[in-house]
């Protein structure tokens, strides 16, 4: 899954609210562990993000429990099957792509310079 510009805007706002201690991220263990967003979840959050509370929950779930955790799951699977020899090379490639992304803020990581198609 690729990140969109809406995802980036969401993460930027989330980072600010986490730093202001308006929200916090915790692990909930209800059968299977998962990330949850905690604290003030009222109308102020809706205004801050420009979406409903359900929209905030959905995007948080998608970004943190789907994309972020699945990225590590993929890494663990690859390293279990091929060893850790490729890790340094993969990190070099990822750092290079991230540096390219930071130079041209209008592109998404992993899209080879293409603009984000989903907005």
Protein backbone atom coordinates (compact mmCIF):
# COMPACT_ATOMS: atom_id res chain seq x y z
CA UNK A 1 0.00 0.00 0.00
CA UNK A 2 1.21 3.46 -0.82
CA UNK A 3 0.77 6.61 1.20
CA UNK A 4 -1.32 9.41 -0.27
CA UNK A 5 -1.09 13.15 0.26
CA UNK A 6 -4.15 12.88 2.53
CA UNK A 7 -2.24 10.32 4.60
CA UNK A 8 0.71 12.69 4.87
CA UNK A 9 -1.54 15.56 6.00
CA UNK A 10 -3.18 13.25 8.55
CA UNK A 11 0.20 12.11 9.91
CA UNK A 12 1.48 15.70 10.15
CA UNK A 13 -1.59 16.75 12.15
CA UNK A 14 -1.43 13.60 14.29
CA UNK A 15 2.23 14.27 15.12
CA UNK A 16 1.37 17.79 16.25
CA UNK A 17 -1.49 16.54 18.46
CA UNK A 18 0.73 13.81 19.94
CA UNK A 19 3.42 16.39 20.76
CA UNK A 20 0.78 18.64 22.35
CA UNK A 21 -0.38 15.61 24.38
CA UNK A 22 -3.91 15.99 23.02
CA UNK A 23 -3.81 12.37 21.80
CA UNK A 24 -1.75 9.30 22.60
CA UNK A 25 -1.07 5.99 20.88
CA UNK A 26 -1.36 2.83 22.95
CA UNK A 27 -1.45 -0.91 22.39
CA UNK A 28 -4.73 -2.68 23.01
CA UNK A 29 -4.59 -6.40 23.63
CA UNK A 30 -7.98 -7.84 22.87
CA UNK A 31 -7.05 -11.20 21.42
CA UNK A 32 -4.67 -9.72 18.85
CA UNK A 33 -2.53 -6.69 19.73
CA UNK A 34 -3.20 -3.47 17.84
CA UNK A 35 -2.54 0.24 18.05
CA UNK A 36 -5.33 2.50 19.33
CA UNK A 37 -5.68 6.26 19.51
CA UNK A 38 -6.53 7.55 23.00
CA UNK A 39 -7.53 10.71 24.89
CA UNK A 40 -9.77 13.59 23.80
CA UNK A 41 -11.79 12.23 20.95
CA UNK A 42 -14.47 14.92 20.83
CA UNK A 43 -15.49 17.54 18.32
CA UNK A 44 -12.11 19.30 18.60
CA UNK A 45 -10.47 16.29 16.96
CA UNK A 46 -13.04 16.39 14.15
CA UNK A 47 -12.20 20.05 13.54
CA UNK A 48 -8.44 19.44 13.77
CA UNK A 49 -8.47 16.66 11.18
CA UNK A 50 -11.34 17.95 9.06
CA UNK A 51 -13.13 14.60 9.20
CA UNK A 52 -15.48 12.68 11.47
CA UNK A 53 -14.24 10.73 14.48
CA UNK A 54 -14.97 7.54 12.54
CA UNK A 55 -12.85 8.89 9.67
CA UNK A 56 -9.99 9.60 12.09
CA UNK A 57 -10.28 6.07 13.52
CA UNK A 58 -10.41 4.53 10.05
CA UNK A 59 -7.33 6.39 8.74
CA UNK A 60 -5.38 5.71 11.96
CA UNK A 61 -6.29 2.01 11.73
CA UNK A 62 -5.25 1.85 8.07
CA UNK A 63 -1.94 3.66 8.57
CA UNK A 64 -0.76 2.18 11.85
CA UNK A 65 -2.31 -1.29 12.04
CA UNK A 66 -2.41 -2.12 8.35
CA UNK A 67 0.44 -0.35 6.56
CA UNK A 68 2.97 0.12 9.40
CA UNK A 69 2.61 -3.28 11.08
CA UNK A 70 2.36 -5.12 7.74
CA UNK A 71 5.61 -3.49 6.61
CA UNK A 72 7.39 -5.13 9.55
CA UNK A 73 5.54 -8.39 8.93
CA UNK A 74 6.84 -8.38 5.36
CA UNK A 75 10.39 -7.67 6.55
CA UNK A 76 10.21 -10.51 9.07
CA UNK A 77 8.92 -12.90 6.40
CA UNK A 78 11.63 -11.95 3.88
CA UNK A 79 14.38 -12.23 6.51
CA UNK A 80 13.05 -15.59 7.74
CA UNK A 81 13.23 -16.94 4.19
CA UNK A 82 16.35 -15.21 2.86
CA UNK A 83 18.31 -14.19 5.97
CA UNK A 84 19.35 -10.72 7.03
CA UNK A 85 22.08 -10.28 4.40
CA UNK A 86 19.87 -8.04 2.27
CA UNK A 87 18.85 -5.73 5.13
CA UNK A 88 21.67 -3.17 4.70
CA UNK A 89 21.12 -2.96 0.95
CA UNK A 90 17.38 -2.54 1.44
CA UNK A 91 17.96 0.22 4.01
CA UNK A 92 20.31 2.03 1.59
CA UNK A 93 17.68 1.89 -1.15
CA UNK A 94 14.95 3.07 1.25
CA UNK A 95 17.09 5.97 2.51
CA UNK A 96 17.84 7.03 -1.06
CA UNK A 97 14.15 6.96 -2.02
CA UNK A 98 13.22 8.87 1.12
CA UNK A 99 15.84 11.53 0.34
CA UNK A 100 14.40 11.86 -3.17
CA UNK A 101 10.94 12.19 -1.65
CA UNK A 102 12.12 14.90 0.76
CA UNK A 103 13.60 16.91 -2.13
CA UNK A 104 10.35 16.90 -4.14
CA UNK A 105 7.63 17.13 -1.49
CA UNK A 106 4.93 16.68 -4.14
CA UNK A 107 5.72 12.99 -4.63
CA UNK A 108 5.01 9.93 -2.53
CA UNK A 109 7.70 7.55 -1.23
CA UNK A 110 8.04 4.41 -3.30
CA UNK A 111 6.38 5.81 -6.41
CA UNK A 112 9.56 6.56 -8.39
CA UNK A 113 8.90 10.27 -8.61
CA UNK A 114 5.29 9.97 -9.74
CA UNK A 115 2.80 12.33 -8.15
CA UNK A 116 0.35 10.74 -5.77
CA UNK A 117 -2.57 9.71 -7.91
CA UNK A 118 -5.01 9.30 -5.05
CA UNK A 119 -5.76 12.56 -3.26
